[in-house]
Amino acid sequence: MKKKKKKKRRREEEEEEEEEEEEEEEEEEEEEEEEENSSSSKVVVVVVVVVVVVVVVVVVLVVVVVVVVVM
């Protein structure tokens, strides 16, 4: 009887350890996904900023050209 109980306990402990390992792996995967998402959002922000700067430069150039032509 004692051996059966010990075996059962060992199995339960092993199962618990496996479950914990699986949970840790899932958490790590989620963290990696979050990091990827944050880095991709940073890229989007940089692209938007670059586009805005280019648009502003173009508008300033157009205004300068118009002013020069009018004078």
N, C-alpha and C. Protein backbone atom coordinates (compact mmCIF):
# COMPACT_ATOMS: atom_id res chain seq x y z
N MET A 1 0.82 -1.21 0.00
CA MET A 1 0.00 0.00 0.00
C MET A 1 0.86 1.26 0.00
N LYS A 2 1.90 1.24 0.82
CA LYS A 2 2.75 2.42 0.90
C LYS A 2 3.44 2.67 -0.43
N LYS A 3 3.88 1.60 -1.09
CA LYS A 3 4.55 1.76 -2.37
C LYS A 3 3.62 2.38 -3.40
N LYS A 4 2.39 1.94 -3.39
CA LYS A 4 1.42 2.49 -4.34
C LYS A 4 1.21 3.97 -4.08
N LYS A 5 1.11 4.32 -2.82
CA LYS A 5 0.92 5.72 -2.47
C LYS A 5 2.13 6.55 -2.90
N LYS A 6 3.32 6.01 -2.67
CA LYS A 6 4.53 6.73 -3.05
C LYS A 6 4.58 6.92 -4.56
N LYS A 7 4.24 5.85 -5.29
CA LYS A 7 4.25 5.94 -6.74
C LYS A 7 3.25 6.98 -7.21
N LYS A 8 2.10 6.95 -6.58
CA LYS A 8 1.06 7.91 -6.96
C LYS A 8 1.53 9.34 -6.68
N ARG A 9 2.16 9.54 -5.54
CA ARG A 9 2.66 10.86 -5.19
C ARG A 9 3.71 11.31 -6.20
N ARG A 10 4.61 10.39 -6.55
CA ARG A 10 5.65 10.73 -7.52
C ARG A 10 5.03 11.13 -8.84
N ARG A 11 4.06 10.36 -9.27
CA ARG A 11 3.39 10.69 -10.53
C ARG A 11 2.76 12.07 -10.46
N GLU A 12 2.09 12.30 -9.35
CA GLU A 12 1.43 13.61 -9.20
C GLU A 12 2.47 14.73 -9.20
N GLU A 13 3.57 14.51 -8.50
CA GLU A 13 4.62 15.54 -8.46
C GLU A 13 5.21 15.77 -9.85
N GLU A 14 5.44 14.67 -10.57
CA GLU A 14 5.98 14.80 -11.92
C GLU A 14 5.00 15.54 -12.83
N GLU A 15 3.73 15.23 -12.71
CA GLU A 15 2.72 15.90 -13.52
C GLU A 15 2.68 17.39 -13.19
N GLU A 16 2.76 17.70 -11.91
CA GLU A 16 2.75 19.10 -11.49
C GLU A 16 3.96 19.83 -12.05
N GLU A 17 5.13 19.18 -12.00
CA GLU A 17 6.33 19.81 -12.54
C GLU A 17 6.19 20.04 -14.03
N GLU A 18 5.65 19.07 -14.74
CA GLU A 18 5.46 19.22 -16.18
C GLU A 18 4.51 20.38 -16.48
N GLU A 19 3.44 20.46 -15.71
CA GLU A 19 2.48 21.54 -15.91
C GLU A 19 3.15 22.89 -15.66
N GLU A 20 3.95 22.97 -14.62
CA GLU A 20 4.64 24.22 -14.30
C GLU A 20 5.59 24.61 -15.44
N GLU A 21 6.31 23.62 -15.96
CA GLU A 21 7.23 23.89 -17.06
C GLU A 21 6.47 24.38 -18.29
N GLU A 22 5.34 23.76 -18.58
CA GLU A 22 4.53 24.19 -19.72
C GLU A 22 4.04 25.62 -19.53
N GLU A 23 3.61 25.93 -18.32
CA GLU A 23 3.13 27.28 -18.03
C GLU A 23 4.26 28.30 -18.22
N GLU A 24 5.45 27.94 -17.75
CA GLU A 24 6.59 28.84 -17.89
C GLU A 24 6.91 29.07 -19.37
N GLU A 25 6.87 28.00 -20.15
CA GLU A 25 7.13 28.13 -21.58
C GLU A 25 6.10 29.04 -22.24
N GLU A 26 4.84 28.86 -21.87
CA GLU A 26 3.78 29.71 -22.43
C GLU A 26 4.02 31.17 -22.07
N GLU A 27 4.40 31.41 -20.83
CA GLU A 27 4.65 32.78 -20.39
C GLU A 27 5.81 33.39 -21.18
N GLU A 28 6.85 32.59 -21.40
CA GLU A 28 8.00 33.10 -22.15
C GLU A 28 7.59 33.43 -23.58
N GLU A 29 6.77 32.58 -24.18
CA GLU A 29 6.30 32.84 -25.54
C GLU A 29 5.48 34.12 -25.58
N GLU A 30 4.62 34.31 -24.59
CA GLU A 30 3.81 35.52 -24.54
C GLU A 30 4.70 36.76 -24.42
N GLU A 31 5.73 36.66 -23.57
CA GLU A 31 6.64 37.79 -23.40
C GLU A 31 7.36 38.10 -24.71
N GLU A 32 7.77 37.05 -25.42
CA GLU A 32 8.45 37.27 -26.70
C GLU A 32 7.51 37.95 -27.69
N GLU A 33 6.25 37.51 -27.70
CA GLU A 33 5.28 38.13 -28.60
C GLU A 33 5.08 39.60 -28.25
N GLU A 34 5.01 39.89 -26.96
CA GLU A 34 4.84 41.27 -26.53
C GLU A 34 6.04 42.12 -26.96
N GLU A 35 7.23 41.56 -26.82
CA GLU A 35 8.43 42.29 -27.23
C GLU A 35 8.40 42.56 -28.73
N GLU A 36 7.98 41.56 -29.50
CA GLU A 36 7.89 41.74 -30.94
C GLU A 36 6.88 42.82 -31.27
N ASN A 37 5.76 42.79 -30.58
CA ASN A 37 4.72 43.79 -30.82
C ASN A 37 5.22 45.18 -30.47
N SER A 38 5.91 45.32 -29.37
CA SER A 38 6.40 46.63 -28.97
C SER A 38 7.44 47.13 -29.96
N SER A 39 8.29 46.25 -30.43
CA SER A 39 9.30 46.68 -31.39
C SER A 39 8.65 47.06 -32.71
N SER A 40 7.63 46.34 -33.11
CA SER A 40 6.94 46.68 -34.35
C SER A 40 6.19 48.01 -34.20
N SER A 41 5.66 48.26 -33.02
CA SER A 41 4.99 49.53 -32.80
C SER A 41 6.01 50.68 -32.82
N LYS A 42 7.21 50.43 -32.34
CA LYS A 42 8.26 51.45 -32.40
C LYS A 42 8.59 51.76 -33.85
N VAL A 43 8.65 50.73 -34.65
CA VAL A 43 8.96 50.92 -36.07
C VAL A 43 7.86 51.76 -36.72
N VAL A 44 6.64 51.48 -36.39
CA VAL A 44 5.51 52.23 -36.95
C VAL A 44 5.62 53.70 -36.54
N VAL A 45 5.95 53.96 -35.31
CA VAL A 45 6.08 55.33 -34.83
C VAL A 45 7.20 56.05 -35.59
N VAL A 46 8.31 55.37 -35.78
CA VAL A 46 9.43 55.98 -36.51
C VAL A 46 9.03 56.29 -37.94
N VAL A 47 8.34 55.37 -38.58
CA VAL A 47 7.91 55.59 -39.96
C VAL A 47 6.95 56.78 -40.03
N VAL A 48 6.04 56.87 -39.11
CA VAL A 48 5.09 57.99 -39.10
C VAL A 48 5.83 59.31 -38.91
N VAL A 49 6.79 59.34 -38.02
CA VAL A 49 7.54 60.57 -37.78
C VAL A 49 8.32 60.96 -39.04
N VAL A 50 8.93 60.02 -39.69
CA VAL A 50 9.68 60.31 -40.91
C VAL A 50 8.75 60.86 -41.98
N VAL A 51 7.59 60.25 -42.14
CA VAL A 51 6.63 60.71 -43.14
C VAL A 51 6.19 62.15 -42.84
N VAL A 52 5.92 62.43 -41.60
CA VAL A 52 5.49 63.78 -41.21
C VAL A 52 6.60 64.79 -41.51
N VAL A 53 7.83 64.45 -41.19
CA VAL A 53 8.94 65.36 -41.45
C VAL A 53 9.09 65.61 -42.96
N VAL A 54 8.97 64.57 -43.74
CA VAL A 54 9.09 64.73 -45.20
C VAL A 54 7.97 65.63 -45.72
N VAL A 55 6.78 65.43 -45.24
CA VAL A 55 5.65 66.25 -45.69
C VAL A 55 5.88 67.72 -45.32
N VAL A 56 6.36 67.97 -44.13
CA VAL A 56 6.60 69.35 -43.69
C VAL A 56 7.69 69.98 -44.57
N VAL A 57 8.74 69.25 -44.87
CA VAL A 57 9.81 69.79 -45.70
C VAL A 57 9.27 70.12 -47.09
N VAL A 58 8.48 69.25 -47.64
CA VAL A 58 7.91 69.49 -48.97
C VAL A 58 7.02 70.73 -48.94
N VAL A 59 6.22 70.86 -47.94
CA VAL A 59 5.33 72.03 -47.85
C VAL A 59 6.16 73.31 -47.74
N VAL A 60 7.20 73.30 -46.94
CA VAL A 60 8.05 74.48 -46.79
C VAL A 60 8.71 74.81 -48.14
N LEU A 61 9.18 73.83 -48.85
CA LEU A 61 9.80 74.06 -50.15
C LEU A 61 8.80 74.66 -51.14
N VAL A 62 7.60 74.14 -51.13
CA VAL A 62 6.57 74.67 -52.03
C VAL A 62 6.28 76.13 -51.68
N VAL A 63 6.19 76.43 -50.43
CA VAL A 63 5.92 77.81 -50.01
C VAL A 63 7.07 78.71 -50.45
N VAL A 64 8.29 78.28 -50.29
CA VAL A 64 9.45 79.07 -50.70
C VAL A 64 9.42 79.30 -52.21
N VAL A 65 9.13 78.28 -52.96
CA VAL A 65 9.08 78.41 -54.42
C VAL A 65 7.97 79.38 -54.81
N VAL A 66 6.83 79.29 -54.20
CA VAL A 66 5.72 80.19 -54.52
C VAL A 66 6.11 81.62 -54.19
N VAL A 67 6.74 81.84 -53.06
CA VAL A 67 7.13 83.19 -52.65
C VAL A 67 8.16 83.74 -53.65
N VAL A 68 9.10 82.93 -54.04
CA VAL A 68 10.13 83.38 -54.98
C VAL A 68 9.49 83.71 -56.33
N VAL A 69 8.59 82.89 -56.79
CA VAL A 69 7.94 83.11 -58.09
C VAL A 69 7.07 84.38 -58.03
N VAL A 70 6.40 84.60 -56.97
CA VAL A 70 5.52 85.77 -56.84
C VAL A 70 6.35 87.05 -56.80
N MET A 71 7.49 87.02 -56.20
CA MET A 71 8.32 88.23 -56.10
C MET A 71 8.90 88.46 -57.45
